[in-house]
Protein backbone atom coordinates (compact mmCIF):
# COMPACT_ATOMS: atom_id res chain seq x y z
CA MET A 1 7.13 -77.38 -86.62
CA ALA A 2 6.18 -79.94 -89.31
CA ALA A 3 2.98 -79.78 -91.33
CA PHE A 4 -0.30 -80.97 -89.83
CA PRO A 5 -1.84 -83.45 -92.32
CA ASP A 6 -5.43 -83.23 -93.53
CA TYR A 7 -5.29 -86.99 -93.96
CA GLN A 8 -2.73 -89.65 -94.72
CA LEU A 9 -2.83 -93.44 -95.04
CA ILE A 10 0.15 -95.27 -93.50
CA PRO A 11 0.10 -98.83 -94.89
CA GLY A 12 1.09 -101.84 -92.78
CA PHE A 13 1.73 -99.96 -89.56
CA PHE A 14 0.91 -103.02 -87.45
CA THR A 15 2.41 -106.41 -88.34
CA ALA A 16 0.38 -109.63 -88.53
CA GLU A 17 1.67 -110.66 -85.08
CA GLN A 18 0.76 -107.28 -83.58
CA ARG A 19 -2.69 -107.53 -85.12
CA LYS A 20 -3.21 -110.85 -83.36
CA GLN A 21 -2.37 -109.19 -80.04
CA ILE A 22 -4.76 -106.32 -80.80
CA GLU A 23 -7.50 -108.82 -81.66
CA PHE A 24 -7.04 -110.46 -78.26
CA ILE A 25 -7.32 -107.07 -76.53
CA TYR A 26 -10.41 -106.30 -78.63
CA TYR A 27 -12.01 -109.59 -77.55
CA GLU A 28 -11.45 -108.74 -73.87
CA LEU A 29 -12.95 -105.26 -74.33
CA GLU A 30 -15.91 -106.63 -76.29
CA THR A 31 -16.58 -109.18 -73.56
CA LYS A 32 -16.59 -106.41 -70.96
CA ALA A 33 -18.88 -104.27 -73.15
CA ASN A 34 -21.41 -107.08 -73.51
CA TYR A 35 -21.31 -107.62 -69.74
CA ILE A 36 -22.08 -103.94 -69.15
CA VAL A 37 -25.12 -104.11 -71.44
CA LEU A 38 -26.28 -107.20 -69.55
CA GLN A 39 -25.77 -105.42 -66.22
CA THR A 40 -28.03 -102.52 -67.26
CA GLN A 41 -30.72 -105.07 -68.07
CA VAL A 42 -30.30 -106.85 -64.74
CA GLU A 43 -30.33 -103.54 -62.85
CA ASN A 44 -33.16 -102.20 -65.03
CA CYS A 45 -31.35 -98.92 -65.64
CA SER A 46 -30.22 -96.86 -68.59
CA LEU A 47 -26.58 -96.64 -69.64
CA GLY A 48 -26.62 -93.00 -68.52
CA GLU A 49 -27.68 -94.03 -65.01
CA PHE A 50 -25.17 -96.87 -65.00
CA TYR A 51 -22.19 -94.64 -65.84
CA ARG A 52 -23.06 -92.02 -63.25
CA ARG A 53 -22.53 -94.78 -60.69
CA LYS A 54 -19.80 -96.84 -62.38
CA PRO A 55 -17.17 -95.00 -64.43
CA THR A 56 -15.79 -97.70 -66.72
CA LEU A 57 -15.62 -98.76 -70.38
CA ILE A 58 -18.22 -96.79 -72.33
CA VAL A 59 -20.64 -98.72 -74.54
CA VAL A 60 -22.87 -97.13 -77.18
CA PRO A 61 -25.61 -99.23 -78.82
CA GLU A 62 -26.91 -98.96 -82.38
CA LYS A 63 -30.03 -96.81 -82.74
CA GLN A 64 -32.04 -99.77 -84.06
CA SER A 65 -30.96 -102.24 -81.35
CA SER A 66 -30.09 -101.62 -77.70
CA GLU A 67 -28.15 -104.91 -77.58
CA CYS A 68 -26.05 -104.25 -80.70
CA ILE A 69 -22.88 -102.32 -79.83
CA CYS A 70 -21.69 -99.78 -82.38
CA ARG A 71 -19.00 -98.12 -80.27
CA MET A 72 -16.74 -98.72 -77.27
CA GLU A 73 -14.75 -95.94 -75.57
CA TYR A 74 -12.20 -95.42 -72.80
CA LEU A 75 -10.08 -98.25 -74.20
CA ASP A 76 -6.72 -96.90 -73.03
CA GLY A 77 -8.12 -96.16 -69.58
CA THR A 78 -9.54 -99.68 -69.34
CA SER A 79 -6.55 -101.71 -70.53
CA ASP A 80 -2.88 -101.21 -69.64
CA VAL A 81 -1.98 -103.65 -72.42
CA PHE A 82 -3.86 -101.49 -74.93
CA ASN A 83 -1.81 -98.52 -73.82
CA GLN A 84 1.49 -100.33 -74.34
CA LEU A 85 0.73 -102.18 -77.58
CA VAL A 86 -1.51 -99.64 -79.33
CA THR A 87 -1.52 -96.12 -77.91
CA LEU A 88 2.20 -95.59 -77.35
CA PRO A 89 3.50 -96.75 -80.78
CA VAL A 90 0.77 -94.76 -82.56
CA LYS A 91 1.54 -91.69 -80.47
CA ARG A 92 5.24 -91.90 -81.32
CA ARG A 93 4.49 -92.19 -85.05
CA LEU A 94 2.16 -89.19 -85.03
CA GLU A 95 4.68 -87.10 -83.08
CA GLU A 96 7.24 -87.84 -85.79
CA LEU A 97 4.68 -86.86 -88.41
CA ILE A 98 3.78 -83.44 -86.99
CA GLY A 99 6.97 -82.61 -85.11
CA ALA A 100 5.32 -81.96 -81.74
CA GLU A 101 4.51 -83.82 -78.52
CA LEU A 102 1.01 -85.24 -78.21
CA VAL A 103 -1.24 -86.55 -75.48
CA LEU A 104 -4.26 -88.84 -75.80
CA PHE A 105 -7.57 -86.95 -75.70
CA LYS A 106 -10.07 -89.77 -76.36
CA ASP A 107 -10.31 -93.20 -77.93
CA LYS A 108 -13.01 -95.42 -79.37
CA CYS A 109 -13.69 -98.44 -81.52
CA ASN A 110 -16.47 -98.08 -84.08
CA ILE A 111 -18.13 -101.40 -84.90
CA LYS A 112 -20.22 -101.19 -88.03
CA VAL A 113 -22.30 -104.37 -88.05
CA PRO A 114 -23.95 -105.70 -91.22
CA GLN A 115 -26.60 -103.12 -92.16
CA GLY A 116 -25.07 -100.94 -89.44
CA GLY A 117 -25.80 -97.24 -89.57
CA ALA A 118 -23.94 -94.73 -91.66
CA PHE A 119 -22.07 -91.68 -90.35
CA PRO A 120 -23.24 -88.55 -92.26
CA PRO A 121 -20.80 -85.83 -93.45
CA HIS A 122 -19.36 -84.01 -90.45
CA GLN A 123 -16.26 -82.52 -88.89
CA ASP A 124 -14.99 -83.87 -85.58
CA ALA A 125 -14.17 -80.38 -84.28
CA PRO A 126 -17.71 -79.51 -83.02
CA ALA A 127 -17.60 -82.49 -80.64
CA TYR A 128 -14.47 -81.13 -78.99
CA LEU A 129 -15.48 -77.49 -78.52
CA ASN A 130 -15.12 -76.12 -74.98
CA PHE A 131 -12.55 -78.72 -73.89
CA GLY A 132 -9.52 -76.49 -74.47
CA PRO A 133 -7.39 -77.79 -77.34
CA THR A 134 -7.72 -76.06 -80.71
CA ILE A 135 -6.79 -78.92 -83.04
CA PHE A 136 -6.70 -82.70 -82.84
CA ILE A 137 -5.14 -85.51 -84.84
CA THR A 138 -6.81 -88.90 -85.06
CA ALA A 139 -5.32 -92.23 -86.05
CA GLY A 140 -7.75 -94.82 -87.33
CA ILE A 141 -6.39 -98.34 -86.76
CA ILE A 142 -8.03 -100.53 -89.38
CA LEU A 143 -8.98 -103.92 -87.93
CA ASP A 144 -10.99 -105.12 -90.94
CA ASP A 145 -10.21 -104.27 -94.56
CA LEU A 146 -12.10 -101.14 -95.64
CA SER A 147 -14.18 -101.32 -98.81
CA ALA A 148 -17.09 -99.54 -100.44
CA GLU A 149 -19.25 -102.54 -99.52
CA ASN A 150 -18.59 -102.36 -95.78
CA GLY A 151 -18.79 -98.59 -95.47
CA CYS A 152 -15.27 -97.22 -95.86
CA LEU A 153 -14.54 -93.61 -94.97
CA HIS A 154 -14.82 -90.76 -97.46
CA MET A 155 -12.70 -87.63 -96.98
CA ALA A 156 -13.13 -84.15 -98.54
CA PRO A 157 -9.62 -82.92 -99.40
CA ASN A 158 -10.98 -79.73 -101.03
CA TYR A 159 -12.57 -78.43 -97.82
CA ARG A 160 -10.15 -75.50 -97.55
CA GLU A 161 -11.31 -74.29 -100.98
CA VAL A 162 -14.94 -73.93 -99.88
CA ASN A 163 -15.33 -70.26 -98.96
CA PHE A 164 -18.97 -70.17 -97.86
CA GLY A 165 -21.04 -71.77 -95.12
CA ILE A 166 -18.26 -71.19 -92.61
CA ALA A 167 -19.44 -70.64 -89.05
CA ARG A 168 -16.01 -69.37 -88.08
CA ASN A 169 -12.32 -69.81 -88.74
CA CYS A 170 -10.54 -71.53 -85.86
CA THR A 171 -7.04 -70.39 -84.93
CA THR A 172 -4.60 -73.20 -84.08
CA PRO A 173 -0.79 -73.48 -83.72
CA TYR A 174 -0.87 -74.85 -87.29
CA GLY A 175 -2.86 -71.99 -88.79
CA GLU A 176 -6.55 -71.30 -89.34
CA TYR A 177 -9.12 -73.99 -90.18
CA PRO A 178 -12.76 -73.57 -91.26
CA LEU A 179 -15.54 -74.77 -88.98
CA PHE A 180 -18.56 -75.23 -91.25
CA LYS A 181 -22.15 -74.55 -90.31
CA HIS A 182 -23.81 -77.70 -89.05
CA PHE A 183 -27.06 -78.85 -87.49
CA THR A 184 -27.28 -78.58 -83.72
CA GLY A 185 -29.67 -81.02 -82.06
CA GLY A 186 -32.41 -82.92 -83.82
CA THR A 187 -32.10 -85.94 -86.06
CA ARG A 188 -29.17 -84.41 -87.99
CA ASN A 189 -27.13 -83.28 -85.02
CA GLY A 190 -23.57 -82.48 -86.14
CA ASP A 191 -24.17 -82.95 -89.88
CA ILE A 192 -22.62 -80.30 -92.13
CA VAL A 193 -25.35 -78.22 -93.79
CA ASP A 194 -26.44 -79.47 -97.21
CA LYS A 195 -25.15 -76.51 -99.24
CA VAL A 196 -21.60 -77.11 -97.98
CA GLN A 197 -21.89 -80.88 -98.39
CA ALA A 198 -22.74 -80.37 -102.05
CA ALA A 199 -19.56 -78.32 -102.61
CA LEU A 200 -17.26 -80.91 -101.05
CA GLN A 201 -15.45 -83.38 -103.29
CA TRP A 202 -15.35 -86.78 -101.66
CA GLU A 203 -12.59 -89.35 -101.92
CA ALA A 204 -13.22 -92.95 -100.82
CA ILE A 205 -10.46 -94.28 -98.56
CA GLY A 206 -9.79 -97.99 -98.77
CA GLY A 207 -7.35 -99.74 -96.48
CA GLN A 208 -6.10 -103.07 -95.22
CA ALA A 209 -6.11 -104.48 -91.71
CA GLY A 210 -3.09 -103.06 -89.91
CA ASP A 211 -3.05 -99.79 -91.85
CA LEU A 212 -3.21 -96.44 -90.06
CA LEU A 213 -5.48 -93.68 -91.38
CA VAL A 214 -4.45 -90.31 -89.96
CA PHE A 215 -6.64 -87.18 -90.20
CA ASN A 216 -7.21 -83.88 -88.43
CA SER A 217 -10.33 -82.69 -86.64
CA PHE A 218 -11.41 -80.25 -89.38
CA ILE A 219 -11.45 -82.36 -92.54
CA PRO A 220 -15.05 -83.39 -93.34
CA HIS A 221 -15.68 -87.12 -93.62
CA PHE A 222 -18.50 -89.66 -93.74
CA SER A 223 -19.18 -93.34 -94.29
CA HIS A 224 -22.02 -95.37 -95.80
CA MET A 225 -23.92 -98.27 -94.26
CA ASN A 226 -22.17 -101.62 -94.05
CA THR A 227 -23.83 -103.74 -96.75
CA SER A 228 -21.45 -106.69 -96.30
CA LYS A 229 -22.11 -109.72 -94.11
CA GLN A 230 -19.22 -109.07 -91.70
CA ASN A 231 -18.49 -106.46 -89.05
CA ARG A 232 -16.30 -103.52 -90.03
CA ARG A 233 -14.18 -102.29 -87.10
CA VAL A 234 -11.84 -99.31 -86.76
CA ILE A 235 -10.14 -98.14 -83.55
CA TYR A 236 -9.73 -94.36 -83.38
CA LEU A 237 -7.17 -92.67 -81.14
CA THR A 238 -7.56 -88.90 -80.95
CA PHE A 239 -4.65 -86.81 -79.66
CA ASN A 240 -4.17 -83.14 -78.89
CA LEU A 241 -0.96 -81.12 -78.61
CA LEU A 242 0.68 -81.55 -75.22
CA ILE A 243 1.20 -77.78 -75.03
CA GLU A 244 -2.61 -77.47 -74.95
CA GLY A 245 -2.98 -79.61 -71.85
CA GLU A 246 -4.02 -83.10 -70.79
CA HIS A 247 -7.79 -83.70 -70.96
CA TYR A 248 -8.37 -87.47 -71.23
CA GLN A 249 -9.72 -88.08 -67.72
CA HIS A 250 -11.65 -84.80 -67.69
CA TYR A 251 -13.29 -85.68 -71.01
CA TYR A 252 -14.45 -89.06 -69.75
CA ARG A 253 -15.57 -87.74 -66.37
CA LYS A 254 -17.90 -85.43 -68.27
CA LYS A 255 -19.05 -88.28 -70.49
CA TRP A 256 -19.80 -90.61 -67.57
CA GLN A 257 -21.84 -87.89 -65.89
CA ASP A 258 -23.65 -86.76 -69.06
CA TYR A 259 -23.63 -89.85 -71.24
CA SER A 260 -26.64 -88.87 -73.36
CA ASN A 261 -25.48 -85.34 -74.17
CA PRO A 262 -25.70 -85.04 -78.00
CA GLN A 263 -22.31 -83.28 -78.02
CA PHE A 264 -20.85 -86.74 -77.49
CA HIS A 265 -22.86 -88.21 -80.37
CA ILE A 266 -22.07 -85.98 -83.35
CA SER A 267 -23.34 -87.46 -86.64
CA THR A 268 -23.58 -90.96 -85.21
CA PRO A 269 -26.16 -93.74 -85.76
CA THR A 270 -27.27 -93.57 -82.12
CA LYS A 271 -30.51 -92.37 -80.58
CA HIS A 272 -28.59 -89.93 -78.36
CA ALA A 273 -27.46 -87.84 -81.34
CA ALA A 274 -30.98 -86.48 -81.81
CA LEU A 275 -31.78 -85.61 -78.18
CA PRO A 276 -32.53 -81.94 -77.43
CA HIS A 277 -29.91 -80.12 -75.38
C-alpha cells in the first residue's frame, strides 16, 4: 500500500480545453443553484424545508447574504457529465497516488465571492465522524488561480509534531492520525482550539487554474477572506477507501433531511455552523 499524502499539489492536471468543459458544467450547476434559491423565495420556505421535499443539488448561502451562494454540493449526483469529465479522472489519479481503490464520499464547490467569508483553522475529519470510513482524501480542483489576495488555502504540515490538545488518535489503514480538540456548536463550531492553532506552522498554498490540490482529512487548514474583486472557486471531491464502503447517497440523504445540522457546516462562513445541536 502506497503512502497517504498529507497534501500535494499536482500542477496542470486539467488542460485548457478540459477547463472550458468544466466551466460549462459549472455554469449549468450555478444556474440550477440560483433557481433553487429563487424557488425557496417563491414557496416562502427555508432551504431545509425545501430539501426535505426535493432532494437535489444542495445550495449553501453566505452568512451575510441569503442570495449569495458560497457552496454547491451533490455535483456528481446532479450531472452525469461531471462524473465523466471530472470525478472519474480525478479518482483514477488518486488511486494511483495511494495504491488503493476509492469511492466518492461527497463533493462541493466553494465559491468565495469578493469579501466572502474566511474558513477558520479546522480538520475535515470531525465532519465525517459516524459515517463509517476512517480516513478520506480530497482533491481540490482549482478553477481560479489561488493567491493570498483571494484567500488561498493554508496547510499545517507540522501537525503530526503537535503532541498536545489531541482529543484522540484515530486508527486508519494508513496508521494513526491526531484528531485535535475543537469547538462544538456555537459561533466557532469545528474550529481547532486556540492553543493548538498557535502551535501549527502554516504554509500558504498557491495554485493555477487546472491544478489539483490533494490533502487528507486530518491535516489542519484554513483560508482568509477574499479581498480581490473576483470570485475564487475550488471544486472539492472527497473520497474514502472502497474497502470502507460506499456512502455517497447515504451522506446526502442525511443532509437533505437535516440540512441545518452544524455537523455539515464545520468552520464555514454560514449561519448554520453556529446553530445549537
